[in-house]
């Protein structure tokens, strides 16, 4: 486990119709497949190597690497799965600078 990793600010949930991730910063609900749902449960807690080792047994190494790379690209583009609460950060920034 790596101490410099942080979990994304998300909430995963299931319904009868599928698996979903609520991204707190964008206020979006995303429908995801099983492997992305599983990986996001430990993304930021386990290293990419640990994730591949753990989920590669279940989904296969290439599928696991593909899902992990998709998540990494989305994080890199800062579209979803940000690791801080942006709303709280902006609010604190505004309050600090308006005093």
N, C-alpha and C. Protein backbone atom coordinates (compact mmCIF):
# COMPACT_ATOMS: atom_id res chain seq x y z
N UNK A 1 0.85 -1.19 0.00
CA UNK A 1 0.00 0.00 0.00
C UNK A 1 0.89 1.24 0.00
N UNK A 2 0.54 2.24 -0.77
CA UNK A 2 1.31 3.47 -0.86
C UNK A 2 0.64 4.57 -0.06
N UNK A 3 1.43 5.25 0.76
CA UNK A 3 0.85 6.28 1.63
C UNK A 3 0.56 7.58 0.91
N UNK A 4 1.18 7.82 -0.26
CA UNK A 4 0.95 9.08 -0.96
C UNK A 4 -0.27 9.03 -1.88
N UNK A 5 -0.92 7.90 -1.97
CA UNK A 5 -2.13 7.80 -2.77
C UNK A 5 -3.32 8.27 -1.97
N UNK A 6 -4.31 8.80 -2.65
CA UNK A 6 -5.54 9.24 -2.00
C UNK A 6 -6.72 8.68 -2.74
N UNK A 7 -7.75 8.34 -2.00
CA UNK A 7 -8.97 7.82 -2.61
C UNK A 7 -9.70 8.96 -3.31
N UNK A 8 -10.33 8.66 -4.44
CA UNK A 8 -11.14 9.69 -5.09
C UNK A 8 -12.37 10.01 -4.25
N UNK A 9 -12.89 11.20 -4.43
CA UNK A 9 -14.04 11.67 -3.66
C UNK A 9 -15.31 11.20 -4.37
N UNK A 10 -15.62 9.92 -4.17
CA UNK A 10 -16.75 9.27 -4.84
C UNK A 10 -17.52 8.42 -3.85
N UNK A 11 -18.69 7.99 -4.28
CA UNK A 11 -19.49 7.01 -3.53
C UNK A 11 -19.98 5.99 -4.53
N UNK A 12 -19.63 4.72 -4.29
CA UNK A 12 -20.11 3.65 -5.16
C UNK A 12 -21.42 3.11 -4.61
N UNK A 13 -22.33 2.72 -5.51
CA UNK A 13 -23.57 2.10 -5.06
C UNK A 13 -24.13 1.19 -6.15
N UNK A 14 -25.00 0.26 -5.71
CA UNK A 14 -25.61 -0.71 -6.62
C UNK A 14 -27.11 -0.57 -6.56
N UNK A 15 -27.75 -0.87 -7.67
CA UNK A 15 -29.20 -1.00 -7.73
C UNK A 15 -29.50 -2.29 -8.50
N UNK A 16 -30.77 -2.59 -8.65
CA UNK A 16 -31.14 -3.76 -9.45
C UNK A 16 -30.73 -3.59 -10.91
N UNK A 17 -30.59 -2.36 -11.34
CA UNK A 17 -30.29 -2.09 -12.75
C UNK A 17 -28.81 -1.95 -13.06
N UNK A 18 -27.97 -1.89 -12.04
CA UNK A 18 -26.54 -1.78 -12.36
C UNK A 18 -25.69 -1.27 -11.23
N UNK A 19 -24.45 -0.99 -11.59
CA UNK A 19 -23.43 -0.47 -10.68
C UNK A 19 -23.16 0.98 -11.04
N UNK A 20 -23.04 1.81 -10.02
CA UNK A 20 -22.91 3.25 -10.25
C UNK A 20 -21.85 3.86 -9.35
N UNK A 21 -21.34 4.99 -9.79
CA UNK A 21 -20.41 5.79 -9.00
C UNK A 21 -20.93 7.22 -9.00
N UNK A 22 -21.10 7.76 -7.81
CA UNK A 22 -21.48 9.17 -7.68
C UNK A 22 -20.20 9.96 -7.47
N UNK A 23 -19.90 10.87 -8.37
CA UNK A 23 -18.73 11.73 -8.26
C UNK A 23 -19.16 13.01 -7.57
N UNK A 24 -18.68 13.21 -6.37
CA UNK A 24 -19.13 14.32 -5.53
C UNK A 24 -18.80 15.67 -6.15
N UNK A 25 -17.63 15.80 -6.74
CA UNK A 25 -17.21 17.09 -7.27
C UNK A 25 -17.96 17.53 -8.51
N UNK A 26 -18.38 16.59 -9.33
CA UNK A 26 -19.11 16.96 -10.54
C UNK A 26 -20.61 16.80 -10.38
N UNK A 27 -21.03 16.15 -9.31
CA UNK A 27 -22.43 15.85 -9.04
C UNK A 27 -23.02 14.92 -10.12
N UNK A 28 -22.16 14.12 -10.73
CA UNK A 28 -22.58 13.19 -11.77
C UNK A 28 -22.68 11.78 -11.22
N UNK A 29 -23.61 11.02 -11.76
CA UNK A 29 -23.72 9.60 -11.46
C UNK A 29 -23.34 8.86 -12.73
N UNK A 30 -22.36 7.98 -12.61
CA UNK A 30 -21.84 7.25 -13.76
C UNK A 30 -22.18 5.77 -13.63
N UNK A 31 -22.71 5.18 -14.68
CA UNK A 31 -22.91 3.75 -14.69
C UNK A 31 -21.60 3.11 -15.13
N UNK A 32 -21.13 2.14 -14.35
CA UNK A 32 -19.84 1.51 -14.63
C UNK A 32 -20.00 0.00 -14.70
N UNK A 33 -19.01 -0.66 -15.28
CA UNK A 33 -19.03 -2.11 -15.29
C UNK A 33 -18.41 -2.66 -14.01
N UNK A 34 -18.49 -3.96 -13.84
CA UNK A 34 -18.07 -4.59 -12.58
C UNK A 34 -16.60 -4.33 -12.25
N UNK A 35 -15.73 -4.44 -13.22
CA UNK A 35 -14.31 -4.27 -12.92
C UNK A 35 -13.98 -2.84 -12.51
N UNK A 36 -14.56 -1.86 -13.18
CA UNK A 36 -14.32 -0.46 -12.80
C UNK A 36 -14.88 -0.20 -11.41
N UNK A 37 -16.05 -0.73 -11.13
CA UNK A 37 -16.65 -0.61 -9.80
C UNK A 37 -15.72 -1.19 -8.75
N UNK A 38 -15.20 -2.37 -9.00
CA UNK A 38 -14.30 -3.03 -8.05
C UNK A 38 -13.01 -2.24 -7.85
N UNK A 39 -12.40 -1.85 -8.94
CA UNK A 39 -11.13 -1.12 -8.86
C UNK A 39 -11.31 0.20 -8.12
N UNK A 40 -12.39 0.93 -8.41
CA UNK A 40 -12.60 2.22 -7.75
C UNK A 40 -12.78 2.07 -6.25
N UNK A 41 -13.19 0.90 -5.80
CA UNK A 41 -13.31 0.65 -4.37
C UNK A 41 -11.97 0.67 -3.66
N UNK A 42 -10.88 0.46 -4.41
CA UNK A 42 -9.55 0.43 -3.81
C UNK A 42 -8.56 1.36 -4.50
N UNK A 43 -9.05 2.11 -5.46
CA UNK A 43 -8.19 3.06 -6.18
C UNK A 43 -7.74 4.14 -5.20
N UNK A 44 -6.44 4.36 -5.14
CA UNK A 44 -5.91 5.33 -4.20
C UNK A 44 -5.48 4.69 -2.89
N UNK A 45 -5.87 3.46 -2.66
CA UNK A 45 -5.40 2.73 -1.48
C UNK A 45 -4.33 1.72 -1.87
N UNK A 46 -4.54 1.06 -3.00
CA UNK A 46 -3.58 0.09 -3.51
C UNK A 46 -2.82 0.69 -4.67
N UNK A 47 -1.59 0.26 -4.85
CA UNK A 47 -0.82 0.70 -6.00
C UNK A 47 -1.40 0.05 -7.26
N UNK A 48 -1.10 0.59 -8.43
CA UNK A 48 -1.56 -0.05 -9.67
C UNK A 48 -1.11 -1.51 -9.77
N UNK A 49 0.09 -1.79 -9.32
CA UNK A 49 0.59 -3.17 -9.36
C UNK A 49 -0.24 -4.07 -8.46
N UNK A 50 -0.58 -3.59 -7.27
CA UNK A 50 -1.40 -4.38 -6.34
C UNK A 50 -2.80 -4.60 -6.90
N UNK A 51 -3.35 -3.58 -7.55
CA UNK A 51 -4.67 -3.71 -8.17
C UNK A 51 -4.63 -4.76 -9.28
N UNK A 52 -3.60 -4.70 -10.13
CA UNK A 52 -3.48 -5.67 -11.22
C UNK A 52 -3.33 -7.08 -10.68
N UNK A 53 -2.55 -7.22 -9.65
CA UNK A 53 -2.35 -8.55 -9.07
C UNK A 53 -3.65 -9.08 -8.48
N UNK A 54 -4.37 -8.23 -7.76
CA UNK A 54 -5.61 -8.65 -7.11
C UNK A 54 -6.72 -8.98 -8.11
N UNK A 55 -6.98 -8.07 -9.03
CA UNK A 55 -8.11 -8.24 -9.94
C UNK A 55 -7.76 -8.98 -11.22
N UNK A 56 -6.46 -9.11 -11.51
CA UNK A 56 -6.03 -9.87 -12.68
C UNK A 56 -6.42 -11.33 -12.59
N UNK A 57 -6.49 -11.85 -11.39
CA UNK A 57 -6.90 -13.25 -11.20
C UNK A 57 -8.36 -13.46 -11.59
N UNK A 58 -9.18 -12.46 -11.31
CA UNK A 58 -10.62 -12.58 -11.56
C UNK A 58 -10.98 -12.21 -12.99
N UNK A 59 -10.45 -11.09 -13.47
CA UNK A 59 -10.87 -10.55 -14.77
C UNK A 59 -9.87 -10.79 -15.90
N UNK A 60 -8.68 -11.22 -15.55
CA UNK A 60 -7.61 -11.35 -16.53
C UNK A 60 -6.74 -10.11 -16.51
N UNK A 61 -5.48 -10.31 -16.76
CA UNK A 61 -4.53 -9.21 -16.65
C UNK A 61 -4.78 -8.10 -17.66
N UNK A 62 -5.08 -8.44 -18.90
CA UNK A 62 -5.27 -7.40 -19.93
C UNK A 62 -6.55 -6.60 -19.67
N UNK A 63 -7.61 -7.26 -19.24
CA UNK A 63 -8.86 -6.54 -18.93
C UNK A 63 -8.66 -5.62 -17.73
N UNK A 64 -7.96 -6.11 -16.73
CA UNK A 64 -7.69 -5.30 -15.53
C UNK A 64 -6.84 -4.09 -15.88
N UNK A 65 -5.79 -4.30 -16.67
CA UNK A 65 -4.93 -3.18 -17.08
C UNK A 65 -5.72 -2.18 -17.92
N UNK A 66 -6.60 -2.66 -18.78
CA UNK A 66 -7.42 -1.76 -19.59
C UNK A 66 -8.33 -0.90 -18.75
N UNK A 67 -8.99 -1.51 -17.76
CA UNK A 67 -9.88 -0.75 -16.88
C UNK A 67 -9.09 0.25 -16.04
N UNK A 68 -7.96 -0.18 -15.53
CA UNK A 68 -7.12 0.72 -14.74
C UNK A 68 -6.62 1.88 -15.57
N UNK A 69 -6.23 1.63 -16.81
CA UNK A 69 -5.78 2.70 -17.70
C UNK A 69 -6.91 3.67 -18.03
N UNK A 70 -8.12 3.16 -18.21
CA UNK A 70 -9.28 4.05 -18.44
C UNK A 70 -9.47 4.99 -17.25
N UNK A 71 -9.42 4.43 -16.06
CA UNK A 71 -9.59 5.24 -14.84
C UNK A 71 -8.48 6.28 -14.75
N UNK A 72 -7.24 5.86 -15.00
CA UNK A 72 -6.10 6.78 -14.94
C UNK A 72 -6.26 7.94 -15.93
N UNK A 73 -6.74 7.64 -17.15
CA UNK A 73 -6.93 8.69 -18.15
C UNK A 73 -7.98 9.70 -17.72
N UNK A 74 -9.05 9.21 -17.13
CA UNK A 74 -10.11 10.11 -16.65
C UNK A 74 -9.59 10.98 -15.51
N UNK A 75 -8.82 10.38 -14.61
CA UNK A 75 -8.24 11.15 -13.50
C UNK A 75 -7.25 12.17 -14.04
N UNK A 76 -6.43 11.76 -14.99
CA UNK A 76 -5.42 12.65 -15.57
C UNK A 76 -6.05 13.86 -16.24
N UNK A 77 -7.18 13.65 -16.89
CA UNK A 77 -7.89 14.74 -17.56
C UNK A 77 -8.71 15.58 -16.58
N UNK A 78 -8.74 15.15 -15.32
CA UNK A 78 -9.46 15.84 -14.25
C UNK A 78 -10.95 15.96 -14.56
N UNK A 79 -11.48 14.91 -15.17
CA UNK A 79 -12.90 14.89 -15.48
C UNK A 79 -13.68 14.34 -14.29
N UNK A 80 -13.28 13.18 -13.80
CA UNK A 80 -13.93 12.54 -12.67
C UNK A 80 -12.89 11.99 -11.70
N UNK A 81 -13.37 11.60 -10.54
CA UNK A 81 -12.59 10.91 -9.52
C UNK A 81 -11.48 11.77 -8.92
N UNK A 82 -11.73 13.07 -8.81
CA UNK A 82 -10.78 13.96 -8.17
C UNK A 82 -10.60 13.53 -6.71
N UNK A 83 -9.41 13.73 -6.19
CA UNK A 83 -9.10 13.23 -4.86
C UNK A 83 -9.32 14.24 -3.74
N UNK A 84 -9.87 15.39 -4.06
CA UNK A 84 -10.21 16.36 -3.02
C UNK A 84 -11.65 16.80 -3.22
N UNK A 85 -12.22 17.33 -2.17
CA UNK A 85 -13.58 17.88 -2.24
C UNK A 85 -13.46 19.30 -2.78
N UNK A 86 -13.64 19.46 -4.08
CA UNK A 86 -13.46 20.77 -4.72
C UNK A 86 -14.42 21.82 -4.20
N UNK A 87 -15.65 21.43 -3.92
CA UNK A 87 -16.63 22.39 -3.42
C UNK A 87 -16.18 22.96 -2.08
N UNK A 88 -15.72 22.09 -1.20
CA UNK A 88 -15.24 22.54 0.11
C UNK A 88 -13.99 23.40 -0.05
N UNK A 89 -13.09 23.00 -0.96
CA UNK A 89 -11.87 23.74 -1.20
C UNK A 89 -12.19 25.15 -1.70
N UNK A 90 -13.10 25.28 -2.65
CA UNK A 90 -13.48 26.59 -3.19
C UNK A 90 -14.13 27.43 -2.11
N UNK A 91 -15.03 26.83 -1.33
CA UNK A 91 -15.69 27.56 -0.25
C UNK A 91 -14.67 28.08 0.76
N UNK A 92 -13.72 27.25 1.16
CA UNK A 92 -12.69 27.68 2.11
C UNK A 92 -11.84 28.79 1.51
N UNK A 93 -11.51 28.66 0.24
CA UNK A 93 -10.72 29.69 -0.45
C UNK A 93 -11.47 31.02 -0.47
N UNK A 94 -12.75 30.98 -0.83
CA UNK A 94 -13.55 32.20 -0.89
C UNK A 94 -13.71 32.85 0.48
N UNK A 95 -13.99 32.05 1.47
CA UNK A 95 -14.13 32.59 2.83
C UNK A 95 -12.84 33.20 3.33
N UNK A 96 -11.74 32.56 3.05
CA UNK A 96 -10.43 33.06 3.50
C UNK A 96 -10.09 34.38 2.82
N UNK A 97 -10.41 34.50 1.54
CA UNK A 97 -10.04 35.69 0.80
C UNK A 97 -11.04 36.84 0.87
N UNK A 98 -12.20 36.61 1.43
CA UNK A 98 -13.19 37.68 1.57
C UNK A 98 -13.12 38.35 2.93
N UNK A 99 -12.26 37.85 3.77
CA UNK A 99 -12.14 38.44 5.12
C UNK A 99 -11.25 39.63 5.12
